[in-house]
PDB file of all heavy atoms in Angstrom:
ATOM      1  N   ALA A   1      -8.563   8.010  -3.711  1.00  0.00           N
ATOM      2  CA  ALA A   1      -8.314   6.774  -2.961  1.00  0.00           C
ATOM      3  C   ALA A   1      -6.821   6.465  -2.915  1.00  0.00           C
ATOM      4  O   ALA A   1      -6.272   6.152  -1.850  1.00  0.00           O
ATOM      5  CB  ALA A   1      -9.084   5.622  -3.596  1.00  0.00           C
ATOM      6  N   PHE A   2      -6.151   6.559  -4.062  1.00  0.00           N
ATOM      7  CA  PHE A   2      -4.723   6.242  -4.098  1.00  0.00           C
ATOM      8  C   PHE A   2      -3.921   7.226  -3.256  1.00  0.00           C
ATOM      9  O   PHE A   2      -3.020   6.831  -2.511  1.00  0.00           O
ATOM     10  CB  PHE A   2      -4.218   6.247  -5.539  1.00  0.00           C
ATOM     11  CG  PHE A   2      -2.729   6.009  -5.644  1.00  0.00           C
ATOM     12  CD1 PHE A   2      -2.202   4.758  -5.378  1.00  0.00           C
ATOM     13  CD2 PHE A   2      -1.864   7.043  -5.964  1.00  0.00           C
ATOM     14  CE1 PHE A   2      -0.833   4.525  -5.436  1.00  0.00           C
ATOM     15  CE2 PHE A   2      -0.505   6.834  -6.028  1.00  0.00           C
ATOM     16  CZ  PHE A   2       0.023   5.571  -5.769  1.00  0.00           C
ATOM     17  N   THR A   3      -4.241   8.510  -3.364  1.00  0.00           N
ATOM     18  CA  THR A   3      -3.515   9.532  -2.595  1.00  0.00           C
ATOM     19  C   THR A   3      -3.587   9.247  -1.107  1.00  0.00           C
ATOM     20  O   THR A   3      -2.590   9.371  -0.375  1.00  0.00           O
ATOM     21  CB  THR A   3      -4.082  10.924  -2.889  1.00  0.00           C
ATOM     22  OG1 THR A   3      -3.906  11.218  -4.290  1.00  0.00           O
ATOM     23  CG2 THR A   3      -3.383  11.995  -2.069  1.00  0.00           C
ATOM     24  N   ALA A   4      -4.762   8.849  -0.637  1.00  0.00           N
ATOM     25  CA  ALA A   4      -4.927   8.552   0.793  1.00  0.00           C
ATOM     26  C   ALA A   4      -4.223   7.250   1.174  1.00  0.00           C
ATOM     27  O   ALA A   4      -3.448   7.196   2.131  1.00  0.00           O
ATOM     28  CB  ALA A   4      -6.408   8.474   1.138  1.00  0.00           C
ATOM     29  N   LEU A   5      -4.476   6.211   0.414  1.00  0.00           N
ATOM     30  CA  LEU A   5      -3.978   4.883   0.768  1.00  0.00           C
ATOM     31  C   LEU A   5      -2.464   4.762   0.647  1.00  0.00           C
ATOM     32  O   LEU A   5      -1.825   4.017   1.403  1.00  0.00           O
ATOM     33  CB  LEU A   5      -4.648   3.833  -0.110  1.00  0.00           C
ATOM     34  CG  LEU A   5      -6.148   3.640   0.127  1.00  0.00           C
ATOM     35  CD1 LEU A   5      -6.780   2.915  -1.054  1.00  0.00           C
ATOM     36  CD2 LEU A   5      -6.383   2.876   1.422  1.00  0.00           C
ATOM     37  N   ALA A   6      -1.871   5.498  -0.302  1.00  0.00           N
ATOM     38  CA  ALA A   6      -0.426   5.408  -0.520  1.00  0.00           C
ATOM     39  C   ALA A   6       0.374   5.905   0.683  1.00  0.00           C
ATOM     40  O   ALA A   6       1.575   5.623   0.798  1.00  0.00           O
ATOM     41  CB  ALA A   6      -0.036   6.200  -1.764  1.00  0.00           C
ATOM     42  N   ARG A   7      -0.271   6.610   1.590  1.00  0.00           N
ATOM     43  CA  ARG A   7       0.427   7.076   2.790  1.00  0.00           C
ATOM     44  C   ARG A   7       0.738   5.918   3.738  1.00  0.00           C
ATOM     45  O   ARG A   7       1.639   6.021   4.573  1.00  0.00           O
ATOM     46  CB  ARG A   7      -0.430   8.121   3.503  1.00  0.00           C
ATOM     47  CG  ARG A   7      -0.745   9.339   2.640  1.00  0.00           C
ATOM     48  CD  ARG A   7      -1.849  10.189   3.247  1.00  0.00           C
ATOM     49  NE  ARG A   7      -1.390  10.857   4.439  1.00  0.00           N
ATOM     50  CZ  ARG A   7      -2.191  11.457   5.316  1.00  0.00           C
ATOM     51  NH1 ARG A   7      -3.496  11.434   5.119  1.00  0.00           N
ATOM     52  NH2 ARG A   7      -1.709  12.057   6.354  1.00  0.00           N
ATOM     53  N   GLY A   8      -0.007   4.828   3.620  1.00  0.00           N
ATOM     54  CA  GLY A   8       0.214   3.668   4.479  1.00  0.00           C
ATOM     55  C   GLY A   8      -0.269   3.904   5.899  1.00  0.00           C
ATOM     56  O   GLY A   8      -0.631   5.019   6.280  1.00  0.00           O
ATOM     57  N   LEU A   9      -0.291   2.839   6.681  1.00  0.00           N
ATOM     58  CA  LEU A   9      -0.708   2.971   8.077  1.00  0.00           C
ATOM     59  C   LEU A   9       0.296   3.810   8.853  1.00  0.00           C
ATOM     60  O   LEU A   9       1.491   3.785   8.574  1.00  0.00           O
ATOM     61  CB  LEU A   9      -0.842   1.607   8.735  1.00  0.00           C
ATOM     62  CG  LEU A   9      -2.094   0.779   8.431  1.00  0.00           C
ATOM     63  CD1 LEU A   9      -2.142  -0.421   9.364  1.00  0.00           C
ATOM     64  CD2 LEU A   9      -3.363   1.588   8.554  1.00  0.00           C
ATOM     65  N   ALA A  10      -0.208   4.525   9.818  1.00  0.00           N
ATOM     66  CA  ALA A  10       0.648   5.373  10.647  1.00  0.00           C
ATOM     67  C   ALA A  10       1.763   4.552  11.274  1.00  0.00           C
ATOM     68  O   ALA A  10       1.530   3.442  11.755  1.00  0.00           O
ATOM     69  CB  ALA A  10      -0.184   6.046  11.743  1.00  0.00           C
ATOM     70  N   PRO A  11       2.990   5.085  11.285  1.00  0.00           N
ATOM     71  CA  PRO A  11       4.114   4.323  11.848  1.00  0.00           C
ATOM     72  C   PRO A  11       3.975   4.066  13.334  1.00  0.00           C
ATOM     73  O   PRO A  11       4.611   3.153  13.866  1.00  0.00           O
ATOM     74  CB  PRO A  11       5.332   5.210  11.541  1.00  0.00           C
ATOM     75  CG  PRO A  11       4.783   6.574  11.309  1.00  0.00           C
ATOM     76  CD  PRO A  11       3.421   6.374  10.715  1.00  0.00           C
ATOM     77  N   ASP A  12       3.143   4.863  14.035  1.00  0.00           N
ATOM     78  CA  ASP A  12       3.007   4.647  15.474  1.00  0.00           C
ATOM     79  C   ASP A  12       1.824   3.748  15.819  1.00  0.00           C
ATOM     80  O   ASP A  12       1.457   3.631  16.987  1.00  0.00           O
ATOM     81  CB  ASP A  12       2.897   5.981  16.228  1.00  0.00           C
ATOM     82  CG  ASP A  12       1.835   6.903  15.663  1.00  0.00           C
ATOM     83  OD1 ASP A  12       1.263   6.588  14.606  1.00  0.00           O
ATOM     84  OD2 ASP A  12       1.566   7.951  16.286  1.00  0.00           O
ATOM     85  N   CYS A  13       1.227   3.100  14.814  1.00  0.00           N
ATOM     86  CA  CYS A  13       0.222   2.087  15.127  1.00  0.00           C
ATOM     87  C   CYS A  13       0.902   0.961  15.909  1.00  0.00           C
ATOM     88  O   CYS A  13       2.043   0.612  15.631  1.00  0.00           O
ATOM     89  CB  CYS A  13      -0.410   1.530  13.857  1.00  0.00           C
ATOM     90  SG  CYS A  13      -1.681   2.583  13.120  1.00  0.00           S
ATOM     91  N   PRO A  14       0.211   0.388  16.883  1.00  0.00           N
ATOM     92  CA  PRO A  14       0.846  -0.631  17.726  1.00  0.00           C
ATOM     93  C   PRO A  14       1.048  -1.953  16.997  1.00  0.00           C
ATOM     94  O   PRO A  14       0.479  -2.185  15.928  1.00  0.00           O
ATOM     95  CB  PRO A  14      -0.162  -0.795  18.875  1.00  0.00           C
ATOM     96  CG  PRO A  14      -1.474  -0.453  18.245  1.00  0.00           C
ATOM     97  CD  PRO A  14      -1.180   0.666  17.281  1.00  0.00           C
ATOM     98  N   GLU A  15       1.855  -2.806  17.577  1.00  0.00           N
ATOM     99  CA  GLU A  15       2.006  -4.168  17.072  1.00  0.00           C
ATOM    100  C   GLU A  15       0.819  -4.973  17.590  1.00  0.00           C
ATOM    101  O   GLU A  15       0.719  -5.252  18.785  1.00  0.00           O
ATOM    102  CB  GLU A  15       3.322  -4.779  17.572  1.00  0.00           C
ATOM    103  CG  GLU A  15       4.565  -4.109  17.030  1.00  0.00           C
ATOM    104  CD  GLU A  15       4.779  -4.405  15.545  1.00  0.00           C
ATOM    105  OE1 GLU A  15       4.323  -5.467  15.091  1.00  0.00           O
ATOM    106  OE2 GLU A  15       5.400  -3.570  14.867  1.00  0.00           O
ATOM    107  N   ALA A  16      -0.099  -5.325  16.706  1.00  0.00           N
ATOM    108  CA  ALA A  16      -1.302  -6.043  17.124  1.00  0.00           C
ATOM    109  C   ALA A  16      -1.928  -6.734  15.921  1.00  0.00           C
ATOM    110  O   ALA A  16      -1.722  -6.317  14.781  1.00  0.00           O
ATOM    111  CB  ALA A  16      -2.313  -5.079  17.756  1.00  0.00           C
ATOM    112  N   ASP A  17      -2.704  -7.781  16.192  1.00  0.00           N
ATOM    113  CA  ASP A  17      -3.335  -8.521  15.104  1.00  0.00           C
ATOM    114  C   ASP A  17      -4.279  -7.635  14.301  1.00  0.00           C
ATOM    115  O   ASP A  17      -4.336  -7.732  13.075  1.00  0.00           O
ATOM    116  CB  ASP A  17      -4.097  -9.725  15.655  1.00  0.00           C
ATOM    117  CG  ASP A  17      -3.167 -10.836  16.152  1.00  0.00           C
ATOM    118  OD1 ASP A  17      -1.972 -10.790  15.806  1.00  0.00           O
ATOM    119  OD2 ASP A  17      -3.644 -11.724  16.877  1.00  0.00           O
ATOM    120  N   TRP A  18      -5.020  -6.757  15.000  1.00  0.00           N
ATOM    121  CA  TRP A  18      -5.971  -5.924  14.275  1.00  0.00           C
ATOM    122  C   TRP A  18      -5.251  -4.938  13.356  1.00  0.00           C
ATOM    123  O   TRP A  18      -5.769  -4.593  12.285  1.00  0.00           O
ATOM    124  CB  TRP A  18      -6.915  -5.195  15.235  1.00  0.00           C
ATOM    125  CG  TRP A  18      -6.316  -4.090  16.046  1.00  0.00           C
ATOM    126  CD1 TRP A  18      -5.785  -4.176  17.294  1.00  0.00           C
ATOM    127  CD2 TRP A  18      -6.196  -2.718  15.670  1.00  0.00           C
ATOM    128  NE1 TRP A  18      -5.323  -2.951  17.713  1.00  0.00           N
ATOM    129  CE2 TRP A  18      -5.573  -2.035  16.742  1.00  0.00           C
ATOM    130  CE3 TRP A  18      -6.547  -1.996  14.535  1.00  0.00           C
ATOM    131  CZ2 TRP A  18      -5.300  -0.669  16.706  1.00  0.00           C
ATOM    132  CZ3 TRP A  18      -6.273  -0.628  14.499  1.00  0.00           C
ATOM    133  CH2 TRP A  18      -5.663   0.023  15.573  1.00  0.00           C
ATOM    134  N   VAL A  19      -4.057  -4.515  13.744  1.00  0.00           N
ATOM    135  CA  VAL A  19      -3.262  -3.627  12.888  1.00  0.00           C
ATOM    136  C   VAL A  19      -2.769  -4.396  11.666  1.00  0.00           C
ATOM    137  O   VAL A  19      -2.783  -3.866  10.543  1.00  0.00           O
ATOM    138  CB  VAL A  19      -2.087  -3.017  13.672  1.00  0.00           C
ATOM    139  CG1 VAL A  19      -1.189  -2.205  12.746  1.00  0.00           C
ATOM    140  CG2 VAL A  19      -2.596  -2.135  14.806  1.00  0.00           C
ATOM    141  N   ASP A  20      -2.345  -5.634  11.875  1.00  0.00           N
ATOM    142  CA  ASP A  20      -1.904  -6.459  10.740  1.00  0.00           C
ATOM    143  C   ASP A  20      -3.040  -6.638   9.731  1.00  0.00           C
ATOM    144  O   ASP A  20      -2.822  -6.600   8.515  1.00  0.00           O
ATOM    145  CB  ASP A  20      -1.418  -7.821  11.224  1.00  0.00           C
ATOM    146  CG  ASP A  20      -0.124  -7.728  12.023  1.00  0.00           C
ATOM    147  OD1 ASP A  20       0.594  -6.720  11.868  1.00  0.00           O
ATOM    148  OD2 ASP A  20       0.162  -8.664  12.800  1.00  0.00           O
ATOM    149  N   GLU A  21      -4.258  -6.828  10.224  1.00  0.00           N
ATOM    150  CA  GLU A  21      -5.409  -6.970   9.334  1.00  0.00           C
ATOM    151  C   GLU A  21      -5.638  -5.687   8.539  1.00  0.00           C
ATOM    152  O   GLU A  21      -5.908  -5.719   7.330  1.00  0.00           O
ATOM    153  CB  GLU A  21      -6.655  -7.313  10.145  1.00  0.00           C
ATOM    154  CG  GLU A  21      -6.635  -8.710  10.743  1.00  0.00           C
ATOM    155  CD  GLU A  21      -7.819  -8.965  11.656  1.00  0.00           C
ATOM    156  OE1 GLU A  21      -8.744  -8.124  11.680  1.00  0.00           O
ATOM    157  OE2 GLU A  21      -7.817 -10.000  12.360  1.00  0.00           O
ATOM    158  N   GLN A  22      -5.528  -4.545   9.226  1.00  0.00           N
ATOM    159  CA  GLN A  22      -5.696  -3.270   8.535  1.00  0.00           C
ATOM    160  C   GLN A  22      -4.584  -3.036   7.521  1.00  0.00           C
ATOM    161  O   GLN A  22      -4.813  -2.517   6.433  1.00  0.00           O
ATOM    162  CB  GLN A  22      -5.730  -2.118   9.542  1.00  0.00           C
ATOM    163  CG  GLN A  22      -7.048  -1.979  10.265  1.00  0.00           C
ATOM    164  CD  GLN A  22      -8.201  -1.706   9.318  1.00  0.00           C
ATOM    165  OE1 GLN A  22      -8.266  -0.664   8.674  1.00  0.00           O
ATOM    166  NE2 GLN A  22      -9.127  -2.643   9.224  1.00  0.00           N
ATOM    167  N   ARG A  23      -3.359  -3.442   7.880  1.00  0.00           N
ATOM    168  CA  ARG A  23      -2.236  -3.272   6.958  1.00  0.00           C
ATOM    169  C   ARG A  23      -2.472  -4.080   5.675  1.00  0.00           C
ATOM    170  O   ARG A  23      -2.205  -3.597   4.560  1.00  0.00           O
ATOM    171  CB  ARG A  23      -0.937  -3.688   7.645  1.00  0.00           C
ATOM    172  CG  ARG A  23       0.314  -3.375   6.836  1.00  0.00           C
ATOM    173  CD  ARG A  23       1.572  -3.551   7.651  1.00  0.00           C
ATOM    174  NE  ARG A  23       1.760  -2.435   8.570  1.00  0.00           N
ATOM    175  CZ  ARG A  23       1.663  -2.521   9.896  1.00  0.00           C
ATOM    176  NH1 ARG A  23       1.382  -3.676  10.468  1.00  0.00           N
ATOM    177  NH2 ARG A  23       1.853  -1.472  10.661  1.00  0.00           N
ATOM    178  N   SER A  24      -2.989  -5.280   5.816  1.00  0.00           N
ATOM    179  CA  SER A  24      -3.304  -6.104   4.644  1.00  0.00           C
ATOM    180  C   SER A  24      -4.412  -5.471   3.810  1.00  0.00           C
ATOM    181  O   SER A  24      -4.344  -5.456   2.573  1.00  0.00           O
ATOM    182  CB  SER A  24      -3.729  -7.513   5.087  1.00  0.00           C
ATOM    183  OG  SER A  24      -2.670  -8.185   5.723  1.00  0.00           O
ATOM    184  N   THR A  25      -5.410  -4.929   4.491  1.00  0.00           N
ATOM    185  CA  THR A  25      -6.512  -4.259   3.788  1.00  0.00           C
ATOM    186  C   THR A  25      -6.008  -3.051   3.020  1.00  0.00           C
ATOM    187  O   THR A  25      -6.349  -2.851   1.850  1.00  0.00           O
ATOM    188  CB  THR A  25      -7.601  -3.820   4.787  1.00  0.00           C
ATOM    189  OG1 THR A  25      -8.175  -4.982   5.395  1.00  0.00           O
ATOM    190  CG2 THR A  25      -8.700  -3.020   4.090  1.00  0.00           C
ATOM    191  N   VAL A  26      -5.186  -2.244   3.672  1.00  0.00           N
ATOM    192  CA  VAL A  26      -4.645  -1.043   3.027  1.00  0.00           C
ATOM    193  C   VAL A  26      -3.785  -1.420   1.828  1.00  0.00           C
ATOM    194  O   VAL A  26      -3.864  -0.791   0.762  1.00  0.00           O
ATOM    195  CB  VAL A  26      -3.845  -0.195   4.033  1.00  0.00           C
ATOM    196  CG1 VAL A  26      -3.055   0.899   3.327  1.00  0.00           C
ATOM    197  CG2 VAL A  26      -4.794   0.425   5.064  1.00  0.00           C
ATOM    198  N   ALA A  27      -2.957  -2.448   1.958  1.00  0.00           N
ATOM    199  CA  ALA A  27      -2.100  -2.873   0.850  1.00  0.00           C
ATOM    200  C   ALA A  27      -2.940  -3.319  -0.344  1.00  0.00           C
ATOM    201  O   ALA A  27      -2.650  -2.955  -1.494  1.00  0.00           O
ATOM    202  CB  ALA A  27      -1.179  -4.002   1.300  1.00  0.00           C
ATOM    203  N   ARG A  28      -3.999  -4.081  -0.073  1.00  0.00           N
ATOM    204  CA  ARG A  28      -4.852  -4.552  -1.166  1.00  0.00           C
ATOM    205  C   ARG A  28      -5.573  -3.401  -1.845  1.00  0.00           C
ATOM    206  O   ARG A  28      -5.605  -3.305  -3.076  1.00  0.00           O
ATOM    207  CB  ARG A  28      -5.875  -5.549  -0.617  1.00  0.00           C
ATOM    208  CG  ARG A  28      -6.889  -6.045  -1.650  1.00  0.00           C
ATOM    209  CD  ARG A  28      -7.810  -7.086  -1.055  1.00  0.00           C
ATOM    210  NE  ARG A  28      -8.483  -6.623   0.134  1.00  0.00           N
ATOM    211  CZ  ARG A  28      -9.560  -5.829   0.115  1.00  0.00           C
ATOM    212  NH1 ARG A  28     -10.058  -5.387  -1.044  1.00  0.00           N
ATOM    213  NH2 ARG A  28     -10.150  -5.462   1.244  1.00  0.00           N
ATOM    214  N   LEU A  29      -6.148  -2.496  -1.050  1.00  0.00           N
ATOM    215  CA  LEU A  29      -6.868  -1.359  -1.625  1.00  0.00           C
ATOM    216  C   LEU A  29      -5.926  -0.422  -2.379  1.00  0.00           C
ATOM    217  O   LEU A  29      -6.298   0.146  -3.413  1.00  0.00           O
ATOM    218  CB  LEU A  29      -7.599  -0.592  -0.520  1.00  0.00           C
ATOM    219  CG  LEU A  29      -8.752  -1.323   0.165  1.00  0.00           C
ATOM    220  CD1 LEU A  29      -9.272  -0.492   1.340  1.00  0.00           C
ATOM    221  CD2 LEU A  29      -9.885  -1.609  -0.815  1.00  0.00           C
ATOM    222  N   THR A  30      -4.694  -0.271  -1.868  1.00  0.00           N
ATOM    223  CA  THR A  30      -3.720   0.595  -2.538  1.00  0.00           C
ATOM    224  C   THR A  30      -3.422   0.075  -3.936  1.00  0.00           C
ATOM    225  O   THR A  30      -3.364   0.844  -4.907  1.00  0.00           O
ATOM    226  CB  THR A  30      -2.421   0.685  -1.725  1.00  0.00           C
ATOM    227  OG1 THR A  30      -2.706   1.213  -0.429  1.00  0.00           O
ATOM    228  CG2 THR A  30      -1.408   1.597  -2.418  1.00  0.00           C
ATOM    229  N   LEU A  31      -3.231  -1.236  -4.057  1.00  0.00           N
ATOM    230  CA  LEU A  31      -2.939  -1.812  -5.372  1.00  0.00           C
ATOM    231  C   LEU A  31      -4.140  -1.703  -6.311  1.00  0.00           C
ATOM    232  O   LEU A  31      -3.973  -1.457  -7.501  1.00  0.00           O
ATOM    233  CB  LEU A  31      -2.509  -3.268  -5.224  1.00  0.00           C
ATOM    234  CG  LEU A  31      -1.154  -3.486  -4.546  1.00  0.00           C
ATOM    235  CD1 LEU A  31      -0.802  -4.965  -4.525  1.00  0.00           C
ATOM    236  CD2 LEU A  31      -0.052  -2.688  -5.241  1.00  0.00           C
ATOM    237  N   GLU A  32      -5.352  -1.855  -5.760  1.00  0.00           N
ATOM    238  CA  GLU A  32      -6.550  -1.688  -6.592  1.00  0.00           C
ATOM    239  C   GLU A  32      -6.612  -0.264  -7.140  1.00  0.00           C
ATOM    240  O   GLU A  32      -6.882  -0.057  -8.335  1.00  0.00           O
ATOM    241  CB  GLU A  32      -7.810  -1.982  -5.777  1.00  0.00           C
ATOM    242  CG  GLU A  32      -8.032  -3.452  -5.471  1.00  0.00           C
ATOM    243  CD  GLU A  32      -9.320  -3.674  -4.709  1.00  0.00           C
ATOM    244  OE1 GLU A  32     -10.243  -2.831  -4.814  1.00  0.00           O
ATOM    245  OE2 GLU A  32      -9.420  -4.697  -3.995  1.00  0.00           O
ATOM    246  N   ALA A  33      -6.370   0.713  -6.272  1.00  0.00           N
ATOM    247  CA  ALA A  33      -6.392   2.106  -6.709  1.00  0.00           C
ATOM    248  C   ALA A  33      -5.245   2.393  -7.668  1.00  0.00           C
ATOM    249  O   ALA A  33      -5.410   3.102  -8.669  1.00  0.00           O
ATOM    250  CB  ALA A  33      -6.321   3.036  -5.499  1.00  0.00           C
ATOM    251  N   ALA A  34      -4.063   1.836  -7.375  1.00  0.00           N
ATOM    252  CA  ALA A  34      -2.892   2.080  -8.216  1.00  0.00           C
ATOM    253  C   ALA A  34      -3.107   1.551  -9.624  1.00  0.00           C
ATOM    254  O   ALA A  34      -2.686   2.187 -10.611  1.00  0.00           O
ATOM    255  CB  ALA A  34      -1.656   1.438  -7.595  1.00  0.00           C
ATOM    256  N   GLU A  35      -3.742   0.417  -9.757  1.00  0.00           N
ATOM    257  CA  GLU A  35      -4.020  -0.146 -11.087  1.00  0.00           C
ATOM    258  C   GLU A  35      -4.836   0.832 -11.917  1.00  0.00           C
ATOM    259  O   GLU A  35      -4.573   1.031 -13.117  1.00  0.00           O
ATOM    260  CB  GLU A  35      -4.769  -1.481 -10.954  1.00  0.00           C
ATOM    261  CG  GLU A  35      -3.940  -2.629 -10.420  1.00  0.00           C
ATOM    262  CD  GLU A  35      -3.092  -3.282 -11.493  1.00  0.00           C
ATOM    263  OE1 GLU A  35      -3.064  -2.790 -12.636  1.00  0.00           O
ATOM    264  OE2 GLU A  35      -2.442  -4.300 -11.170  1.00  0.00           O
ATOM    265  N   GLN A  36      -5.819   1.453 -11.294  1.00  0.00           N
ATOM    266  CA  GLN A  36      -6.681   2.394 -12.014  1.00  0.00           C
ATOM    267  C   GLN A  36      -5.944   3.692 -12.342  1.00  0.00           C
ATOM    268  O   GLN A  36      -6.044   4.223 -13.451  1.00  0.00           O
ATOM    269  CB  GLN A  36      -7.929   2.700 -11.167  1.00  0.00           C
ATOM    270  CG  GLN A  36      -8.798   1.497 -10.874  1.00  0.00           C
ATOM    271  CD  GLN A  36      -9.361   0.855 -12.124  1.00  0.00           C
ATOM    272  OE1 GLN A  36      -9.715   1.546 -13.084  1.00  0.00           O
ATOM    273  NE2 GLN A  36      -9.453  -0.461 -12.128  1.00  0.00           N
ATOM    274  N   VAL A  37      -5.192   4.211 -11.370  1.00  0.00           N
ATOM    275  CA  VAL A  37      -4.468   5.468 -11.585  1.00  0.00           C
ATOM    276  C   VAL A  37      -3.359   5.272 -12.615  1.00  0.00           C
ATOM    277  O   VAL A  37      -3.099   6.156 -13.443  1.00  0.00           O
ATOM    278  CB  VAL A  37      -3.900   5.992 -10.250  1.00  0.00           C
ATOM    279  CG1 VAL A  37      -3.011   7.213 -10.477  1.00  0.00           C
ATOM    280  CG2 VAL A  37      -5.047   6.354  -9.300  1.00  0.00           C
ATOM    281  N   ALA A  38      -2.702   4.116 -12.571  1.00  0.00           N
ATOM    282  CA  ALA A  38      -1.615   3.840 -13.515  1.00  0.00           C
ATOM    283  C   ALA A  38      -2.107   3.798 -14.954  1.00  0.00           C
ATOM    284  O   ALA A  38      -1.348   4.086 -15.883  1.00  0.00           O
ATOM    285  CB  ALA A  38      -0.937   2.523 -13.159  1.00  0.00           C
ATOM    286  N   ALA A  39      -3.372   3.445 -15.138  1.00  0.00           N
ATOM    287  CA  ALA A  39      -3.936   3.362 -16.488  1.00  0.00           C
ATOM    288  C   ALA A  39      -4.304   4.729 -17.042  1.00  0.00           C
ATOM    289  O   ALA A  39      -4.634   4.860 -18.226  1.00  0.00           O
ATOM    290  CB  ALA A  39      -5.170   2.465 -16.485  1.00  0.00           C
ATOM    291  N   SER A  40      -4.221   5.751 -16.216  1.00  0.00           N
ATOM    292  CA  SER A  40      -4.540   7.113 -16.641  1.00  0.00           C
ATOM    293  C   SER A  40      -3.250   7.866 -16.939  1.00  0.00           C
ATOM    294  O   SER A  40      -2.155   7.329 -16.809  1.00  0.00           O
ATOM    295  CB  SER A  40      -5.314   7.845 -15.545  1.00  0.00           C
ATOM    296  OG  SER A  40      -4.458   8.154 -14.457  1.00  0.00           O
ATOM    297  N   SER A  41      -3.393   9.114 -17.320  1.00  0.00           N
ATOM    298  CA  SER A  41      -2.203   9.949 -17.543  1.00  0.00           C
ATOM    299  C   SER A  41      -2.195  11.103 -16.545  1.00  0.00           C
ATOM    300  O   SER A  41      -1.701  12.181 -16.827  1.00  0.00           O
ATOM    301  CB  SER A  41      -2.190  10.486 -18.979  1.00  0.00           C
ATOM    302  OG  SER A  41      -3.387  11.204 -19.258  1.00  0.00           O
ATOM    303  N   GLY A  42      -2.784  10.843 -15.375  1.00  0.00           N
ATOM    304  CA  GLY A  42      -2.899  11.885 -14.358  1.00  0.00           C
ATOM    305  C   GLY A  42      -1.599  12.148 -13.629  1.00  0.00           C
ATOM    306  O   GLY A  42      -0.576  11.491 -13.876  1.00  0.00           O
ATOM    307  N   PRO A  43      -1.622  13.089 -12.694  1.00  0.00           N
ATOM    308  CA  PRO A  43      -0.405  13.508 -11.996  1.00  0.00           C
ATOM    309  C   PRO A  43       0.211  12.427 -11.106  1.00  0.00           C
ATOM    310  O   PRO A  43       1.385  12.506 -10.770  1.00  0.00           O
ATOM    311  CB  PRO A  43      -0.868  14.710 -11.160  1.00  0.00           C
ATOM    312  CG  PRO A  43      -2.349  14.527 -11.009  1.00  0.00           C
ATOM    313  CD  PRO A  43      -2.803  13.884 -12.271  1.00  0.00           C
ATOM    314  N   SER A  44      -0.582  11.430 -10.725  1.00  0.00           N
ATOM    315  CA  SER A  44      -0.059  10.380  -9.837  1.00  0.00           C
ATOM    316  C   SER A  44       0.246   9.091 -10.576  1.00  0.00           C
ATOM    317  O   SER A  44       0.477   8.053  -9.951  1.00  0.00           O
ATOM    318  CB  SER A  44      -1.062  10.101  -8.714  1.00  0.00           C
ATOM    319  OG  SER A  44      -1.214  11.223  -7.877  1.00  0.00           O
TER     320      SER A  44
END
């Protein structure tokens, strides 16, 4: 999950409300995944 989400939304996504909603979703999910990965001693 972290490996995928850390890439962020594609830079060529348009300026639109639905993109802003997805960006917020991705940011929240990335931090959720990061919290779990950070607690491990894995490669990421």
